C-alpha atoms as a PDB file:
ATOM      1  CA  MET A   1     160.294 156.711 165.547  1.00  0.00           C
ATOM      2  CA  ARG A   2     161.235 156.176 161.944  1.00  0.00           C
ATOM      3  CA  TYR A   3     159.229 158.607 159.893  1.00  0.00           C
ATOM      4  CA  ASP A   4     160.038 156.820 156.644  1.00  0.00           C
ATOM      5  CA  ALA A   5     158.135 153.760 157.950  1.00  0.00           C
ATOM      6  CA  VAL A   6     154.992 155.764 158.772  1.00  0.00           C
ATOM      7  CA  ASN A   7     153.780 155.800 155.155  1.00  0.00           C
ATOM      8  CA  ALA A   8     154.166 152.025 154.874  1.00  0.00           C
ATOM      9  CA  MET A   9     152.368 151.514 158.187  1.00  0.00           C
ATOM     10  CA  LEU A  10     149.514 153.777 157.139  1.00  0.00           C
ATOM     11  CA  LEU A  11     149.249 152.037 153.781  1.00  0.00           C
ATOM     12  CA  ASN A  12     149.155 148.625 155.452  1.00  0.00           C
ATOM     13  CA  GLU A  13     146.467 149.776 157.874  1.00  0.00           C
ATOM     14  CA  PHE A  14     144.440 151.259 155.035  1.00  0.00           C
ATOM     15  CA  LEU A  15     144.696 148.057 152.987  1.00  0.00           C
ATOM     16  CA  ARG A  16     143.698 145.922 155.986  1.00  0.00           C
ATOM     17  CA  GLU A  17     140.620 148.072 156.662  1.00  0.00           C
ATOM     18  CA  HIS A  18     139.783 148.153 152.957  1.00  0.00           C
ATOM     19  CA  ARG A  19     139.779 144.332 152.817  1.00  0.00           C
ATOM     20  CA  LYS A  20     137.481 144.243 155.855  1.00  0.00           C
ATOM     21  CA  LEU A  21     135.117 146.667 154.151  1.00  0.00           C
ATOM     22  CA  GLU A  22     135.078 144.583 150.982  1.00  0.00           C
ATOM     23  CA  GLY A  23     134.206 141.542 153.087  1.00  0.00           C
ATOM     24  CA  PHE A  24     131.307 143.384 154.692  1.00  0.00           C
ATOM     25  CA  GLN A  25     130.066 144.589 151.324  1.00  0.00           C
ATOM     26  CA  ALA A  26     130.121 141.036 150.000  1.00  0.00           C
ATOM     27  CA  THR A  27     127.813 139.851 152.806  1.00  0.00           C
ATOM     28  CA  VAL A  28     125.207 142.596 152.338  1.00  0.00           C
ATOM     29  CA  PRO A  29     123.467 141.000 149.310  1.00  0.00           C
ATOM     30  CA  GLU A  30     123.362 137.645 151.114  1.00  0.00           C
ATOM     31  CA  GLN A  31     121.832 139.252 154.187  1.00  0.00           C
ATOM     32  CA  GLN A  32     119.289 141.109 152.054  1.00  0.00           C
ATOM     33  CA  LYS A  33     118.262 137.833 150.400  1.00  0.00           C
ATOM     34  CA  GLU A  34     117.902 136.131 153.793  1.00  0.00           C
ATOM     35  CA  LEU A  35     115.872 139.069 155.079  1.00  0.00           C
ATOM     36  CA  ARG A  36     113.511 138.906 152.084  1.00  0.00           C
ATOM     37  CA  THR A  37     113.016 135.176 152.729  1.00  0.00           C
ATOM     38  CA  ILE A  38     112.258 135.800 156.401  1.00  0.00           C
ATOM     39  CA  ILE A  39     109.789 138.558 155.509  1.00  0.00           C
ATOM     40  CA  GLN A  40     108.008 136.255 153.032  1.00  0.00           C
ATOM     41  CA  GLN A  41     107.731 133.535 155.696  1.00  0.00           C
ATOM     42  CA  GLN A  42     106.360 136.017 158.210  1.00  0.00           C
ATOM     43  CA  ASP A  43     103.839 137.301 155.672  1.00  0.00           C
ATOM     44  CA  LYS A  44     102.591 133.726 155.159  1.00  0.00           C
ATOM     45  CA  GLN A  45     102.358 133.218 158.920  1.00  0.00           C
ATOM     46  CA  ILE A  46     100.426 136.476 159.293  1.00  0.00           C
ATOM     47  CA  GLU A  47      98.008 135.409 156.549  1.00  0.00           C
ATOM     48  CA  ALA A  48      97.462 132.036 158.241  1.00  0.00           C
ATOM     49  CA  LEU A  49      96.892 133.669 161.639  1.00  0.00           C
ATOM     50  CA  THR A  50      94.529 136.218 160.116  1.00  0.00           C
ATOM     51  CA  ALA A  51      92.506 133.414 158.529  1.00  0.00           C
ATOM     52  CA  THR A  52      92.364 131.582 161.866  1.00  0.00           C
ATOM     53  CA  VAL A  53      91.236 134.697 163.704  1.00  0.00           C
ATOM     54  CA  GLN A  54      88.557 135.276 161.063  1.00  0.00           C
ATOM     55  CA  LYS A  55      87.279 131.693 161.448  1.00  0.00           C
ATOM     56  CA  VAL A  56      87.115 132.033 165.226  1.00  0.00           C
ATOM     57  CA  SER A  57      85.389 135.385 164.901  1.00  0.00           C
ATOM     58  CA  ASP A  58      82.820 133.877 162.518  1.00  0.00           C
ATOM     59  CA  GLN A  59      82.203 130.978 164.921  1.00  0.00           C
ATOM     60  CA  VAL A  60      81.700 133.370 167.813  1.00  0.00           C
ATOM     61  CA  LYS A  61      79.144 135.308 165.782  1.00  0.00           C
ATOM     62  CA  LEU A  62      77.278 132.091 164.922  1.00  0.00           C
ATOM     63  CA  ASN A  63      77.244 130.886 168.528  1.00  0.00           C
ATOM     64  CA  LYS A  64      76.096 134.198 169.928  1.00  0.00           C
ATOM     65  CA  PRO A  65      72.477 133.972 171.041  1.00  0.00           C
ATOM     66  CA  MET A  66      70.115 136.038 168.982  1.00  0.00           C
ATOM     67  CA  PRO A  67      68.468 138.863 170.884  1.00  0.00           C
ATOM     68  CA  GLN A  68      64.823 138.160 171.567  1.00  0.00           C
ATOM     69  CA  LEU A  69      62.142 140.781 171.557  1.00  0.00           C
ATOM     70  CA  VAL A  70      59.796 140.769 174.457  1.00  0.00           C
ATOM     71  CA  ALA A  71      56.373 142.294 174.014  1.00  0.00           C
ATOM     72  CA  LYS A  72      55.490 144.579 176.844  1.00  0.00           C
ATOM     73  CA  ASP A  73      51.894 144.640 177.994  1.00  0.00           C
ATOM     74  CA  ARG A  74      50.471 148.032 178.625  1.00  0.00           C
END
């Protein structure tokens, strides 16, 4: 093995990994933006589903028969 080439090999490997890292760091803000958009969409869906559940719950309450009191003879 040529020991004088080791430094150049290590430097090349470091630079290659450093470029990869820079690429990953560049995608993080994009992914964060996409994630925020997805979260906003899910929040809207949750609100819509909550409203639907509330409407159904209200309808069930309205359709529920009222309890009737029965007078008991003594």
